[in-house]
PDB file of N, CA and C in Angstrom:
ATOM      1  N   UNK A   1     102.294 109.340 109.156  1.00  0.00           N
ATOM      2  CA  UNK A   1     102.691 107.811 108.839  1.00  0.00           C
ATOM      3  C   UNK A   1     103.034 108.897 106.663  1.00  0.00           C
ATOM      4  N   UNK A   2     102.154 109.586 106.457  1.00  0.00           N
ATOM      5  CA  UNK A   2     102.087 109.830 105.148  1.00  0.00           C
ATOM      6  C   UNK A   2     103.511 110.956 104.929  1.00  0.00           C
ATOM      7  N   UNK A   3     102.827 111.728 106.221  1.00  0.00           N
ATOM      8  CA  UNK A   3     103.856 112.367 105.877  1.00  0.00           C
ATOM      9  C   UNK A   3     105.483 112.158 106.234  1.00  0.00           C
ATOM     10  N   UNK A   4     105.731 110.890 107.432  1.00  0.00           N
ATOM     11  CA  UNK A   4     106.745 109.596 107.740  1.00  0.00           C
ATOM     12  C   UNK A   4     107.643 109.147 105.883  1.00  0.00           C
ATOM     13  N   UNK A   5     105.906 108.668 105.854  1.00  0.00           N
ATOM     14  CA  UNK A   5     106.481 107.673 104.376  1.00  0.00           C
ATOM     15  C   UNK A   5     107.534 108.747 103.514  1.00  0.00           C
ATOM     16  N   UNK A   6     106.607 110.684 102.912  1.00  0.00           N
ATOM     17  CA  UNK A   6     107.148 110.672 102.124  1.00  0.00           C
ATOM     18  C   UNK A   6     108.014 111.668 102.237  1.00  0.00           C
ATOM     19  N   UNK A   7     108.502 112.193 103.213  1.00  0.00           N
ATOM     20  CA  UNK A   7     110.239 112.127 103.407  1.00  0.00           C
ATOM     21  C   UNK A   7     111.388 111.382 103.209  1.00  0.00           C
ATOM     22  N   UNK A   8     110.762 109.999 103.129  1.00  0.00           N
ATOM     23  CA  UNK A   8     111.790 109.157 103.196  1.00  0.00           C
ATOM     24  C   UNK A   8     111.880 108.964 101.709  1.00  0.00           C
ATOM     25  N   UNK A   9     111.041 108.739 100.552  1.00  0.00           N
ATOM     26  CA  UNK A   9     110.645 108.948  99.791  1.00  0.00           C
ATOM     27  C   UNK A   9     111.629 109.816  98.637  1.00  0.00           C
ATOM     28  N   UNK A  10     111.178 111.232  99.357  1.00  0.00           N
ATOM     29  CA  UNK A  10     111.833 112.679  98.920  1.00  0.00           C
ATOM     30  C   UNK A  10     112.941 112.063  98.100  1.00  0.00           C
ATOM     31  N   UNK A  11     114.499 112.094  98.904  1.00  0.00           N
ATOM     32  CA  UNK A  11     115.179 111.671  98.268  1.00  0.00           C
ATOM     33  C   UNK A  11     115.755 110.827  97.534  1.00  0.00           C
ATOM     34  N   UNK A  12     114.296 109.997  97.073  1.00  0.00           N
ATOM     35  CA  UNK A  12     114.845 109.273  95.740  1.00  0.00           C
ATOM     36  C   UNK A  12     113.962 109.815  94.128  1.00  0.00           C
ATOM     37  N   UNK A  13     113.200 110.415  94.880  1.00  0.00           N
ATOM     38  CA  UNK A  13     112.586 111.550  93.787  1.00  0.00           C
ATOM     39  C   UNK A  13     111.627 110.415  93.412  1.00  0.00           C
ATOM     40  N   UNK A  14     110.841 110.322  95.000  1.00  0.00           N
ATOM     41  CA  UNK A  14     109.188 109.312  94.403  1.00  0.00           C
ATOM     42  C   UNK A  14     108.814 109.256  95.189  1.00  0.00           C
ATOM     43  N   UNK A  15     106.872 109.769  94.224  1.00  0.00           N
ATOM     44  CA  UNK A  15     106.893 110.708  94.756  1.00  0.00           C
ATOM     45  C   UNK A  15     105.201 109.465  95.980  1.00  0.00           C
ATOM     46  N   UNK A  16     104.860 110.197  96.875  1.00  0.00           N
ATOM     47  CA  UNK A  16     103.970 109.755  97.730  1.00  0.00           C
ATOM     48  C   UNK A  16     102.517 109.895  98.573  1.00  0.00           C
ATOM     49  N   UNK A  17     102.011 109.283  97.402  1.00  0.00           N
ATOM     50  CA  UNK A  17     100.271 110.141  97.032  1.00  0.00           C
ATOM     51  C   UNK A  17      99.432 108.990  97.863  1.00  0.00           C
ATOM     52  N   UNK A  18      98.575 109.529  98.946  1.00  0.00           N
ATOM     53  CA  UNK A  18      97.590 108.030  99.461  1.00  0.00           C
ATOM     54  C   UNK A  18      96.274 107.395  98.261  1.00  0.00           C
ATOM     55  N   UNK A  19      96.105 106.567  98.260  1.00  0.00           N
ATOM     56  CA  UNK A  19      95.267 106.286  97.207  1.00  0.00           C
ATOM     57  C   UNK A  19      93.701 106.792  97.421  1.00  0.00           C
ATOM     58  N   UNK A  20      93.001 106.484  97.037  1.00  0.00           N
ATOM     59  CA  UNK A  20      91.388 106.619  97.562  1.00  0.00           C
ATOM     60  C   UNK A  20      90.515 105.329  98.643  1.00  0.00           C
ATOM     61  N   UNK A  21      90.260 106.089  99.949  1.00  0.00           N
ATOM     62  CA  UNK A  21      90.028 104.589 100.597  1.00  0.00           C
ATOM     63  C   UNK A  21      88.426 104.007 100.199  1.00  0.00           C
ATOM     64  N   UNK A  22      87.554 104.510  99.631  1.00  0.00           N
ATOM     65  CA  UNK A  22      87.038 103.941  98.549  1.00  0.00           C
ATOM     66  C   UNK A  22      87.265 103.159  98.234  1.00  0.00           C
ATOM     67  N   UNK A  23      88.058 103.448  96.954  1.00  0.00           N
ATOM     68  CA  UNK A  23      88.060 102.314  95.660  1.00  0.00           C
ATOM     69  C   UNK A  23      88.900 101.574  96.813  1.00  0.00           C
ATOM     70  N   UNK A  24      90.053 101.033  97.524  1.00  0.00           N
ATOM     71  CA  UNK A  24      90.717 100.420  98.313  1.00  0.00           C
ATOM     72  C   UNK A  24      89.646  99.728  98.725  1.00  0.00           C
ATOM     73  N   UNK A  25      88.322 100.054  99.927  1.00  0.00           N
ATOM     74  CA  UNK A  25      88.068  99.278 100.657  1.00  0.00           C
ATOM     75  C   UNK A  25      86.318  98.650  99.585  1.00  0.00           C
ATOM     76  N   UNK A  26      86.809  99.155  98.544  1.00  0.00           N
ATOM     77  CA  UNK A  26      85.846  98.005  97.741  1.00  0.00           C
ATOM     78  C   UNK A  26      86.453  97.344  96.984  1.00  0.00           C
ATOM     79  N   UNK A  27      87.628  97.338  97.130  1.00  0.00           N
ATOM     80  CA  UNK A  27      88.346  96.345  96.169  1.00  0.00           C
ATOM     81  C   UNK A  27      88.084  96.389  94.441  1.00  0.00           C
ATOM     82  N   UNK A  28      88.347  98.259  94.632  1.00  0.00           N
ATOM     83  CA  UNK A  28      88.343  98.836  92.853  1.00  0.00           C
ATOM     84  C   UNK A  28      89.944  98.932  92.367  1.00  0.00           C
ATOM     85  N   UNK A  29      90.350  97.500  92.560  1.00  0.00           N
ATOM     86  CA  UNK A  29      91.881  97.905  91.738  1.00  0.00           C
ATOM     87  C   UNK A  29      92.386  98.616  90.552  1.00  0.00           C
ATOM     88  N   UNK A  30      91.417  98.328  89.940  1.00  0.00           N
ATOM     89  CA  UNK A  30      91.085  98.882  88.232  1.00  0.00           C
ATOM     90  C   UNK A  30      91.557 100.392  88.442  1.00  0.00           C
ATOM     91  N   UNK A  31      90.461 101.101  90.022  1.00  0.00           N
ATOM     92  CA  UNK A  31      90.877 102.336  90.048  1.00  0.00           C
ATOM     93  C   UNK A  31      92.276 102.346  90.217  1.00  0.00           C
ATOM     94  N   UNK A  32      91.940 102.174  91.299  1.00  0.00           N
ATOM     95  CA  UNK A  32      93.378 102.747  92.006  1.00  0.00           C
ATOM     96  C   UNK A  32      94.836 101.526  91.411  1.00  0.00           C
ATOM     97  N   UNK A  33      94.975 101.115  89.797  1.00  0.00           N
ATOM     98  CA  UNK A  33      96.246 101.442  89.217  1.00  0.00           C
ATOM     99  C   UNK A  33      95.370 102.617  88.153  1.00  0.00           C
ATOM    100  N   UNK A  34      94.423 102.541  88.157  1.00  0.00           N
ATOM    101  CA  UNK A  34      94.094 103.357  86.767  1.00  0.00           C
ATOM    102  C   UNK A  34      94.814 105.101  87.511  1.00  0.00           C
ATOM    103  N   UNK A  35      94.667 105.800  89.116  1.00  0.00           N
ATOM    104  CA  UNK A  35      95.793 106.484  89.505  1.00  0.00           C
ATOM    105  C   UNK A  35      97.002 106.644  89.862  1.00  0.00           C
ATOM    106  N   UNK A  36      97.447 105.671  89.942  1.00  0.00           N
ATOM    107  CA  UNK A  36      98.878 105.412  90.053  1.00  0.00           C
ATOM    108  C   UNK A  36      99.488 105.910  88.803  1.00  0.00           C
ATOM    109  N   UNK A  37      99.180 104.970  88.040  1.00  0.00           N
ATOM    110  CA  UNK A  37      99.825 105.316  86.221  1.00  0.00           C
ATOM    111  C   UNK A  37      99.515 106.727  86.339  1.00  0.00           C
ATOM    112  N   UNK A  38      97.988 107.152  86.445  1.00  0.00           N
ATOM    113  CA  UNK A  38      98.078 109.260  86.011  1.00  0.00           C
ATOM    114  C   UNK A  38      99.582 109.838  86.984  1.00  0.00           C
ATOM    115  N   UNK A  39      99.404 109.521  88.515  1.00  0.00           N
ATOM    116  CA  UNK A  39     100.736 109.720  89.528  1.00  0.00           C
ATOM    117  C   UNK A  39     102.077 109.633  88.145  1.00  0.00           C
ATOM    118  N   UNK A  40     101.972 108.375  87.954  1.00  0.00           N
ATOM    119  CA  UNK A  40     103.623 108.001  87.200  1.00  0.00           C
ATOM    120  C   UNK A  40     103.631 108.861  85.816  1.00  0.00           C
ATOM    121  N   UNK A  41     102.304 109.727  85.671  1.00  0.00           N
ATOM    122  CA  UNK A  41     102.811 110.322  84.667  1.00  0.00           C
ATOM    123  C   UNK A  41     102.895 111.533  84.243  1.00  0.00           C
ATOM    124  N   UNK A  42     101.798 111.572  85.989  1.00  0.00           N
ATOM    125  CA  UNK A  42     102.670 113.416  86.075  1.00  0.00           C
ATOM    126  C   UNK A  42     104.381 114.070  86.428  1.00  0.00           C
ATOM    127  N   UNK A  43     104.590 112.399  87.299  1.00  0.00           N
ATOM    128  CA  UNK A  43     106.083 112.651  87.809  1.00  0.00           C
ATOM    129  C   UNK A  43     106.835 112.550  86.455  1.00  0.00           C
TER     130      UNK A  43
END
């Protein structure tokens, strides 16, 4: 699934990365948001 999404987003120059499963499962939205923001900054 990740490869498929990354291929679709590539022409739009949108990075696609998986989130940490533990943060997702433990509902640590702050960690997920911090990770997403770090990806935006790196992009």
